[in-house]
């Protein structure tokens, strides 16, 4: 795995360097790795789209879900958007079982979103709270930080259940 990553980075470095000699491309391997790693980290921060695995941050019984469809937007879902998902991992005695198709509201997204004051909010992971068709949460607790942008999207019930509002 590490060898494949190193070869990809060296190829990227050589393609960036163009027609320069072999001795110069060999001396810039550290910069190639930083260019390659920064490119990969930028590539991962995208919309929540089909087949994205998300963490469930409520006590509904599910641990991980996979996005089937974003209900609004052509590109995918962002903070506060509703998605249709399939439960991939679940606790054995929870309300939601593995394989069930559920609705969820995205409460944390790795993709940055601008705020009105000019700042940007970005989280380390993609997380969702499971809701029913009317938009009411299935669980009774929400773990971790939840952005206050959910108030604009009419998910006030999720904000009241949250431990910390970011």
N, C-alpha and C. Protein backbone atom coordinates (compact mmCIF):
# COMPACT_ATOMS: atom_id res chain seq x y z
N UNK A 1 0.83 -1.19 0.00
CA UNK A 1 0.00 0.00 0.00
C UNK A 1 0.87 1.25 0.00
N UNK A 2 1.90 1.27 0.87
CA UNK A 2 2.78 2.43 0.94
C UNK A 2 3.59 2.57 -0.34
N UNK A 3 3.98 1.43 -0.93
CA UNK A 3 4.75 1.48 -2.17
C UNK A 3 3.89 2.03 -3.31
N UNK A 4 2.64 1.64 -3.35
CA UNK A 4 1.74 2.14 -4.40
C UNK A 4 1.53 3.64 -4.23
N UNK A 5 1.40 4.09 -2.98
CA UNK A 5 1.23 5.51 -2.72
C UNK A 5 2.47 6.29 -3.13
N UNK A 6 3.65 5.74 -2.83
CA UNK A 6 4.90 6.41 -3.20
C UNK A 6 5.06 6.49 -4.72
N UNK A 7 4.68 5.42 -5.41
CA UNK A 7 4.80 5.45 -6.86
C UNK A 7 3.83 6.44 -7.48
N UNK A 8 2.61 6.55 -6.92
CA UNK A 8 1.66 7.53 -7.42
C UNK A 8 2.18 8.94 -7.21
N UNK A 9 2.75 9.17 -6.02
CA UNK A 9 3.28 10.51 -5.73
C UNK A 9 4.45 10.83 -6.64
N UNK A 10 5.31 9.86 -6.91
CA UNK A 10 6.45 10.15 -7.78
C UNK A 10 5.98 10.41 -9.21
N UNK A 11 4.93 9.69 -9.66
CA UNK A 11 4.38 9.96 -10.99
C UNK A 11 3.76 11.34 -11.05
N UNK A 12 3.05 11.72 -9.98
CA UNK A 12 2.45 13.05 -9.95
C UNK A 12 3.55 14.10 -9.98
N UNK A 13 4.62 13.86 -9.21
CA UNK A 13 5.73 14.81 -9.18
C UNK A 13 6.39 14.94 -10.53
N UNK A 14 6.61 13.83 -11.21
CA UNK A 14 7.23 13.89 -12.53
C UNK A 14 6.34 14.59 -13.54
N UNK A 15 5.02 14.36 -13.44
CA UNK A 15 4.13 15.02 -14.38
C UNK A 15 4.06 16.51 -14.08
N UNK A 16 4.19 16.90 -12.81
CA UNK A 16 4.20 18.31 -12.48
C UNK A 16 5.49 18.97 -12.92
N UNK A 17 6.60 18.23 -12.84
CA UNK A 17 7.89 18.80 -13.22
C UNK A 17 8.06 18.87 -14.73
N UNK A 18 7.31 18.11 -15.47
CA UNK A 18 7.36 18.16 -16.92
C UNK A 18 8.61 17.52 -17.47
N UNK A 19 9.38 18.25 -18.26
CA UNK A 19 10.53 17.69 -18.95
C UNK A 19 11.84 17.86 -18.22
N UNK A 20 11.83 18.11 -16.92
CA UNK A 20 13.09 18.26 -16.19
C UNK A 20 13.79 16.92 -16.06
N UNK A 21 15.07 16.96 -15.77
CA UNK A 21 15.89 15.75 -15.73
C UNK A 21 15.53 14.82 -14.59
N UNK A 22 16.04 13.58 -14.68
CA UNK A 22 15.76 12.57 -13.66
C UNK A 22 16.39 12.92 -12.33
N UNK A 23 17.56 13.53 -12.37
CA UNK A 23 18.24 13.85 -11.11
C UNK A 23 17.47 14.89 -10.31
N UNK A 24 16.81 15.82 -10.97
CA UNK A 24 16.03 16.83 -10.26
C UNK A 24 14.76 16.23 -9.69
N UNK A 25 14.12 15.33 -10.42
CA UNK A 25 12.88 14.74 -9.91
C UNK A 25 13.17 13.82 -8.74
N UNK A 26 14.35 13.22 -8.68
CA UNK A 26 14.70 12.37 -7.54
C UNK A 26 14.96 13.18 -6.28
N UNK A 27 15.44 14.41 -6.43
CA UNK A 27 15.74 15.22 -5.25
C UNK A 27 14.50 15.89 -4.68
N UNK A 28 13.40 15.91 -5.39
CA UNK A 28 12.20 16.58 -4.92
C UNK A 28 11.12 15.61 -4.44
N UNK A 29 11.50 14.45 -3.96
CA UNK A 29 10.49 13.47 -3.55
C UNK A 29 9.70 13.92 -2.34
N UNK A 30 10.32 14.66 -1.42
CA UNK A 30 9.58 15.14 -0.25
C UNK A 30 8.52 16.14 -0.67
N UNK A 31 8.86 17.03 -1.60
CA UNK A 31 7.85 17.99 -2.05
C UNK A 31 6.76 17.30 -2.85
N UNK A 32 7.13 16.22 -3.57
CA UNK A 32 6.13 15.46 -4.31
C UNK A 32 5.11 14.86 -3.35
N UNK A 33 5.58 14.32 -2.24
CA UNK A 33 4.68 13.70 -1.27
C UNK A 33 3.75 14.73 -0.66
N UNK A 34 4.25 15.95 -0.39
CA UNK A 34 3.37 16.96 0.17
C UNK A 34 2.35 17.43 -0.84
N UNK A 35 2.75 17.56 -2.11
CA UNK A 35 1.81 17.93 -3.16
C UNK A 35 0.74 16.86 -3.31
N UNK A 36 1.15 15.60 -3.30
CA UNK A 36 0.22 14.49 -3.47
C UNK A 36 -0.72 14.39 -2.28
N UNK A 37 -0.20 14.54 -1.06
CA UNK A 37 -1.07 14.42 0.11
C UNK A 37 -2.03 15.59 0.21
N UNK A 38 -1.59 16.81 -0.17
CA UNK A 38 -2.51 17.94 -0.14
C UNK A 38 -3.59 17.78 -1.21
N UNK A 39 -3.23 17.21 -2.36
CA UNK A 39 -4.21 16.95 -3.41
C UNK A 39 -5.24 15.94 -2.94
N UNK A 40 -4.80 14.88 -2.26
CA UNK A 40 -5.72 13.85 -1.78
C UNK A 40 -6.63 14.41 -0.70
N UNK A 41 -6.10 15.24 0.22
CA UNK A 41 -6.94 15.78 1.28
C UNK A 41 -7.98 16.75 0.71
N UNK A 42 -7.64 17.48 -0.34
CA UNK A 42 -8.62 18.36 -0.97
C UNK A 42 -9.68 17.55 -1.70
N UNK A 43 -9.30 16.43 -2.24
CA UNK A 43 -10.22 15.62 -3.02
C UNK A 43 -11.28 14.96 -2.13
N UNK A 44 -10.98 14.69 -0.86
CA UNK A 44 -11.90 13.98 0.02
C UNK A 44 -13.02 14.87 0.53
N UNK A 45 -12.87 16.17 0.52
CA UNK A 45 -13.87 17.07 1.08
C UNK A 45 -14.89 17.45 0.02
N UNK A 46 -15.86 16.55 -0.21
CA UNK A 46 -16.88 16.78 -1.22
C UNK A 46 -18.26 16.67 -0.60
N UNK A 47 -19.27 16.82 -1.44
CA UNK A 47 -20.64 16.67 -0.99
C UNK A 47 -20.88 15.25 -0.49
N UNK A 48 -21.93 15.09 0.30
CA UNK A 48 -22.35 13.76 0.72
C UNK A 48 -23.23 13.23 -0.41
N UNK A 49 -22.74 12.22 -1.08
CA UNK A 49 -23.41 11.71 -2.27
C UNK A 49 -23.70 10.23 -2.11
N UNK A 50 -24.16 9.61 -3.17
CA UNK A 50 -24.51 8.21 -3.13
C UNK A 50 -23.31 7.36 -2.71
N UNK A 51 -23.54 6.38 -1.85
CA UNK A 51 -22.55 5.43 -1.33
C UNK A 51 -21.58 6.04 -0.31
N UNK A 52 -21.85 7.24 0.19
CA UNK A 52 -21.05 7.81 1.27
C UNK A 52 -21.48 7.18 2.58
N UNK A 53 -20.51 6.71 3.36
CA UNK A 53 -20.80 6.10 4.66
C UNK A 53 -20.73 7.19 5.72
N UNK A 54 -21.79 7.30 6.52
CA UNK A 54 -21.89 8.33 7.54
C UNK A 54 -22.03 7.70 8.91
N UNK A 55 -21.55 8.40 9.91
CA UNK A 55 -21.67 7.98 11.31
C UNK A 55 -23.02 8.47 11.84
N UNK A 56 -23.69 7.65 12.63
CA UNK A 56 -24.97 8.03 13.24
C UNK A 56 -24.69 8.53 14.65
N UNK A 57 -25.15 9.74 14.98
CA UNK A 57 -24.81 10.36 16.26
C UNK A 57 -26.02 10.51 17.18
N UNK A 58 -26.96 9.58 17.08
CA UNK A 58 -28.06 9.56 18.03
C UNK A 58 -28.20 8.16 18.62
N UNK A 59 -29.15 7.98 19.52
CA UNK A 59 -29.31 6.68 20.17
C UNK A 59 -30.45 5.87 19.57
N UNK A 60 -30.60 5.93 18.26
CA UNK A 60 -31.64 5.18 17.57
C UNK A 60 -31.30 3.71 17.41
N UNK A 61 -30.04 3.35 17.55
CA UNK A 61 -29.62 1.96 17.43
C UNK A 61 -28.70 1.71 16.26
N UNK A 62 -28.65 2.61 15.29
CA UNK A 62 -27.75 2.45 14.14
C UNK A 62 -26.39 3.04 14.47
N UNK A 63 -25.34 2.44 13.90
CA UNK A 63 -23.98 2.96 14.08
C UNK A 63 -23.49 3.67 12.82
N UNK A 64 -23.68 3.01 11.66
CA UNK A 64 -23.24 3.58 10.39
C UNK A 64 -24.34 3.39 9.35
N UNK A 65 -24.49 4.38 8.49
CA UNK A 65 -25.44 4.30 7.39
C UNK A 65 -24.72 4.67 6.09
N UNK A 66 -25.27 4.17 4.97
CA UNK A 66 -24.75 4.51 3.66
C UNK A 66 -25.81 5.30 2.90
N UNK A 67 -25.41 6.44 2.37
CA UNK A 67 -26.34 7.31 1.66
C UNK A 67 -26.82 6.63 0.37
N UNK A 68 -28.12 6.62 0.18
CA UNK A 68 -28.71 6.12 -1.06
C UNK A 68 -29.00 7.29 -1.99
N UNK A 69 -29.55 8.37 -1.43
CA UNK A 69 -29.93 9.51 -2.27
C UNK A 69 -30.03 10.77 -1.41
N UNK A 70 -29.55 11.88 -1.94
CA UNK A 70 -29.76 13.19 -1.33
C UNK A 70 -31.07 13.74 -1.87
N UNK A 71 -31.95 14.17 -0.98
CA UNK A 71 -33.29 14.57 -1.42
C UNK A 71 -33.33 15.93 -2.09
N UNK A 72 -32.34 16.80 -1.84
CA UNK A 72 -32.30 18.10 -2.50
C UNK A 72 -30.92 18.30 -3.08
N UNK A 73 -30.86 18.96 -4.20
CA UNK A 73 -29.58 19.28 -4.82
C UNK A 73 -29.13 18.21 -5.78
N UNK A 74 -28.51 18.64 -6.88
CA UNK A 74 -28.03 17.70 -7.88
C UNK A 74 -26.71 17.08 -7.47
N UNK A 75 -25.84 17.86 -6.84
CA UNK A 75 -24.50 17.37 -6.52
C UNK A 75 -24.50 16.46 -5.30
N UNK A 76 -25.29 16.77 -4.30
CA UNK A 76 -25.30 15.97 -3.09
C UNK A 76 -25.82 16.77 -1.92
N UNK A 77 -25.64 16.24 -0.71
CA UNK A 77 -26.18 16.86 0.49
C UNK A 77 -25.10 17.62 1.24
N UNK A 78 -25.52 18.65 1.94
CA UNK A 78 -24.64 19.44 2.80
C UNK A 78 -25.26 19.49 4.19
N UNK A 79 -24.77 20.39 5.03
CA UNK A 79 -25.29 20.52 6.39
C UNK A 79 -26.78 20.85 6.38
N UNK A 80 -27.55 20.10 7.14
CA UNK A 80 -28.98 20.36 7.27
C UNK A 80 -29.84 19.71 6.22
N UNK A 81 -29.26 19.10 5.20
CA UNK A 81 -30.05 18.46 4.15
C UNK A 81 -30.51 17.07 4.60
N UNK A 82 -31.61 16.62 4.03
CA UNK A 82 -32.16 15.30 4.33
C UNK A 82 -31.70 14.31 3.27
N UNK A 83 -31.34 13.11 3.73
CA UNK A 83 -30.90 12.05 2.82
C UNK A 83 -31.71 10.79 3.09
N UNK A 84 -31.71 9.89 2.12
CA UNK A 84 -32.24 8.55 2.29
C UNK A 84 -31.03 7.64 2.42
N UNK A 85 -31.02 6.77 3.44
CA UNK A 85 -29.84 5.95 3.71
C UNK A 85 -30.25 4.54 4.10
N UNK A 86 -29.28 3.64 3.98
CA UNK A 86 -29.46 2.25 4.39
C UNK A 86 -28.57 1.99 5.60
N UNK A 87 -29.09 1.32 6.60
CA UNK A 87 -28.32 1.03 7.81
C UNK A 87 -27.34 -0.10 7.52
N UNK A 88 -26.05 0.16 7.77
CA UNK A 88 -25.00 -0.83 7.51
C UNK A 88 -24.55 -1.52 8.79
N UNK A 89 -24.51 -0.80 9.91
CA UNK A 89 -24.15 -1.39 11.20
C UNK A 89 -25.16 -0.90 12.22
N UNK A 90 -25.58 -1.80 13.14
CA UNK A 90 -26.56 -1.42 14.14
C UNK A 90 -26.32 -2.19 15.43
N UNK A 91 -26.75 -1.60 16.54
CA UNK A 91 -26.72 -2.29 17.82
C UNK A 91 -27.79 -3.38 17.79
N UNK A 92 -27.55 -4.50 18.48
CA UNK A 92 -28.50 -5.62 18.39
C UNK A 92 -29.89 -5.33 18.95
N UNK A 93 -29.99 -4.46 19.96
CA UNK A 93 -31.31 -4.23 20.56
C UNK A 93 -31.76 -2.78 20.39
N UNK A 94 -31.48 -2.19 19.25
CA UNK A 94 -31.87 -0.81 18.98
C UNK A 94 -33.21 -0.73 18.27
N UNK A 95 -33.68 0.50 18.07
CA UNK A 95 -34.95 0.72 17.37
C UNK A 95 -34.82 0.45 15.87
N UNK A 96 -33.62 0.66 15.33
CA UNK A 96 -33.37 0.51 13.90
C UNK A 96 -32.51 -0.72 13.68
N UNK A 97 -32.87 -1.54 12.72
CA UNK A 97 -32.14 -2.78 12.41
C UNK A 97 -31.29 -2.61 11.16
N UNK A 98 -30.31 -3.50 11.01
CA UNK A 98 -29.43 -3.48 9.85
C UNK A 98 -30.24 -3.78 8.59
N UNK A 99 -29.97 -3.03 7.52
CA UNK A 99 -30.65 -3.23 6.24
C UNK A 99 -31.88 -2.37 6.05
N UNK A 100 -32.34 -1.69 7.10
CA UNK A 100 -33.54 -0.86 6.98
C UNK A 100 -33.21 0.44 6.25
N UNK A 101 -34.12 0.90 5.42
CA UNK A 101 -33.97 2.16 4.71
C UNK A 101 -34.58 3.26 5.57
N UNK A 102 -33.79 4.30 5.87
CA UNK A 102 -34.21 5.35 6.79
C UNK A 102 -33.93 6.72 6.17
N UNK A 103 -34.54 7.74 6.78
CA UNK A 103 -34.24 9.12 6.44
C UNK A 103 -33.28 9.66 7.49
N UNK A 104 -32.44 10.61 7.09
CA UNK A 104 -31.51 11.21 8.03
C UNK A 104 -31.23 12.65 7.68
N UNK A 105 -30.87 13.44 8.69
CA UNK A 105 -30.48 14.84 8.51
C UNK A 105 -28.99 14.94 8.76
N UNK A 106 -28.26 15.55 7.84
CA UNK A 106 -26.82 15.70 7.96
C UNK A 106 -26.54 16.78 9.00
N UNK A 107 -25.87 16.40 10.11
CA UNK A 107 -25.56 17.36 11.16
C UNK A 107 -24.08 17.72 11.20
N UNK A 108 -23.22 16.91 10.60
CA UNK A 108 -21.80 17.25 10.49
C UNK A 108 -21.32 16.82 9.13
N UNK A 109 -20.58 17.68 8.45
CA UNK A 109 -20.05 17.37 7.13
C UNK A 109 -18.61 17.84 7.05
N UNK A 110 -17.78 17.03 6.38
CA UNK A 110 -16.38 17.38 6.23
C UNK A 110 -16.19 18.52 5.25
N UNK A 111 -17.15 18.73 4.37
CA UNK A 111 -17.05 19.84 3.42
C UNK A 111 -17.37 21.15 4.12
N UNK A 112 -16.56 22.17 3.85
CA UNK A 112 -16.75 23.44 4.53
C UNK A 112 -17.98 24.17 4.01
N UNK A 113 -18.60 24.94 4.90
CA UNK A 113 -19.77 25.73 4.54
C UNK A 113 -19.58 27.11 5.13
N UNK A 114 -19.77 28.13 4.30
CA UNK A 114 -19.59 29.51 4.74
C UNK A 114 -20.76 29.98 5.58
N UNK A 115 -20.43 30.82 6.56
CA UNK A 115 -21.46 31.43 7.39
C UNK A 115 -21.65 32.88 6.99
N UNK A 116 -22.70 33.51 7.52
CA UNK A 116 -23.03 34.89 7.15
C UNK A 116 -21.94 35.87 7.59
N UNK A 117 -21.27 35.59 8.70
CA UNK A 117 -20.26 36.51 9.22
C UNK A 117 -18.90 36.35 8.53
N UNK A 118 -18.81 35.48 7.54
CA UNK A 118 -17.57 35.30 6.81
C UNK A 118 -16.73 34.11 7.26
N UNK A 119 -17.05 33.52 8.40
CA UNK A 119 -16.31 32.35 8.86
C UNK A 119 -16.83 31.10 8.14
N UNK A 120 -16.09 30.03 8.28
CA UNK A 120 -16.48 28.77 7.65
C UNK A 120 -16.52 27.68 8.71
N UNK A 121 -17.49 26.79 8.60
CA UNK A 121 -17.61 25.67 9.52
C UNK A 121 -17.30 24.39 8.76
N UNK A 122 -16.46 23.54 9.38
CA UNK A 122 -16.05 22.29 8.76
C UNK A 122 -15.78 21.30 9.88
N UNK A 123 -16.25 20.06 9.74
CA UNK A 123 -16.08 19.05 10.76
C UNK A 123 -15.12 17.97 10.27
N UNK A 124 -14.66 17.13 11.20
CA UNK A 124 -13.72 16.07 10.86
C UNK A 124 -14.39 14.88 10.20
N UNK A 125 -15.68 14.68 10.46
CA UNK A 125 -16.36 13.50 9.95
C UNK A 125 -17.71 13.89 9.36
N UNK A 126 -18.34 12.93 8.71
CA UNK A 126 -19.70 13.09 8.20
C UNK A 126 -20.63 12.36 9.16
N UNK A 127 -21.62 13.07 9.69
CA UNK A 127 -22.52 12.46 10.67
C UNK A 127 -23.96 12.83 10.36
N UNK A 128 -24.87 11.96 10.82
CA UNK A 128 -26.28 12.11 10.50
C UNK A 128 -27.11 11.75 11.73
N UNK A 129 -28.30 12.35 11.82
CA UNK A 129 -29.30 12.01 12.84
C UNK A 129 -30.47 11.41 12.09
N UNK A 130 -30.92 10.24 12.52
CA UNK A 130 -32.03 9.56 11.83
C UNK A 130 -33.36 10.18 12.22
N UNK A 131 -34.20 10.40 11.20
CA UNK A 131 -35.51 11.00 11.41
C UNK A 131 -36.56 10.16 10.70
N UNK A 132 -37.85 10.39 11.04
CA UNK A 132 -38.92 9.71 10.32
C UNK A 132 -39.35 10.58 9.13
N UNK A 133 -40.42 10.18 8.45
CA UNK A 133 -40.84 10.90 7.24
C UNK A 133 -41.32 12.32 7.55
N UNK A 134 -41.81 12.55 8.76
CA UNK A 134 -42.26 13.89 9.14
C UNK A 134 -41.11 14.78 9.61
N UNK A 135 -39.91 14.23 9.77
CA UNK A 135 -38.76 15.02 10.20
C UNK A 135 -38.49 15.00 11.68
N UNK A 136 -39.22 14.16 12.42
CA UNK A 136 -39.00 14.05 13.87
C UNK A 136 -37.90 13.02 14.14
N UNK A 137 -36.96 13.32 15.05
CA UNK A 137 -35.86 12.37 15.31
C UNK A 137 -36.36 11.06 15.89
N UNK A 138 -35.71 9.96 15.49
CA UNK A 138 -36.05 8.63 16.01
C UNK A 138 -35.47 8.46 17.41
N UNK A 139 -34.23 8.90 17.60
CA UNK A 139 -33.58 8.79 18.91
C UNK A 139 -34.01 9.91 19.84
N UNK A 140 -33.57 9.79 21.10
CA UNK A 140 -33.93 10.78 22.11
C UNK A 140 -32.73 11.62 22.55
N UNK A 141 -31.54 11.29 22.04
CA UNK A 141 -30.33 12.06 22.36
C UNK A 141 -29.51 12.24 21.10
N UNK A 142 -28.78 13.36 21.03
CA UNK A 142 -27.87 13.63 19.92
C UNK A 142 -26.50 13.91 20.53
N UNK A 143 -25.49 13.17 20.06
CA UNK A 143 -24.16 13.27 20.64
C UNK A 143 -23.27 14.17 19.79
N UNK A 144 -22.37 14.91 20.44
CA UNK A 144 -21.40 15.72 19.74
C UNK A 144 -21.95 17.07 19.31
N UNK A 145 -21.08 17.89 18.69
CA UNK A 145 -21.51 19.23 18.28
C UNK A 145 -22.44 19.19 17.08
N UNK A 146 -23.37 20.14 17.07
CA UNK A 146 -24.34 20.29 15.98
C UNK A 146 -24.34 21.77 15.59
N UNK A 147 -24.21 22.11 14.31
CA UNK A 147 -24.16 23.53 13.92
C UNK A 147 -25.53 24.20 14.04
N UNK A 148 -25.50 25.51 14.33
CA UNK A 148 -26.77 26.23 14.49
C UNK A 148 -27.44 26.53 13.15
N UNK A 149 -26.82 26.18 12.02
CA UNK A 149 -27.45 26.34 10.72
C UNK A 149 -28.69 25.46 10.56
N UNK A 150 -28.84 24.46 11.41
CA UNK A 150 -30.02 23.59 11.34
C UNK A 150 -31.30 24.35 11.69
N UNK A 151 -31.17 25.46 12.41
CA UNK A 151 -32.35 26.25 12.76
C UNK A 151 -32.99 26.85 11.50
N UNK A 152 -32.15 27.26 10.54
CA UNK A 152 -32.67 27.81 9.28
C UNK A 152 -33.36 26.74 8.45
N UNK A 153 -32.93 25.50 8.59
CA UNK A 153 -33.50 24.39 7.81
C UNK A 153 -34.69 23.74 8.52
N UNK A 154 -35.16 24.36 9.60
CA UNK A 154 -36.35 23.89 10.34
C UNK A 154 -36.14 22.56 11.05
N UNK A 155 -34.95 22.33 11.58
CA UNK A 155 -34.68 21.13 12.38
C UNK A 155 -34.43 21.53 13.83
N UNK A 156 -35.37 22.26 14.42
CA UNK A 156 -35.22 22.78 15.76
C UNK A 156 -35.24 21.66 16.80
N UNK A 157 -35.98 20.60 16.55
CA UNK A 157 -36.07 19.47 17.49
C UNK A 157 -34.70 18.82 17.67
N UNK A 158 -33.92 18.73 16.60
CA UNK A 158 -32.57 18.15 16.69
C UNK A 158 -31.68 19.06 17.54
N UNK A 159 -31.84 20.38 17.39
CA UNK A 159 -31.05 21.31 18.19
C UNK A 159 -31.39 21.22 19.67
N UNK A 160 -32.66 20.96 20.00
CA UNK A 160 -33.03 20.85 21.42
C UNK A 160 -32.46 19.58 22.04
N UNK A 161 -32.27 18.53 21.24
CA UNK A 161 -31.73 17.28 21.76
C UNK A 161 -30.20 17.28 21.82
N UNK A 162 -29.55 18.22 21.14
CA UNK A 162 -28.09 18.21 21.02
C UNK A 162 -27.41 18.59 22.33
N UNK A 163 -26.23 17.98 22.55
CA UNK A 163 -25.43 18.31 23.73
C UNK A 163 -24.77 19.68 23.57
N UNK A 164 -24.20 19.91 22.38
CA UNK A 164 -23.40 21.12 22.15
C UNK A 164 -23.77 21.70 20.79
N UNK A 165 -24.08 23.00 20.77
CA UNK A 165 -24.39 23.68 19.50
C UNK A 165 -23.20 24.50 19.09
N UNK A 166 -22.66 24.20 17.90
CA UNK A 166 -21.47 24.90 17.42
C UNK A 166 -21.84 26.06 16.52
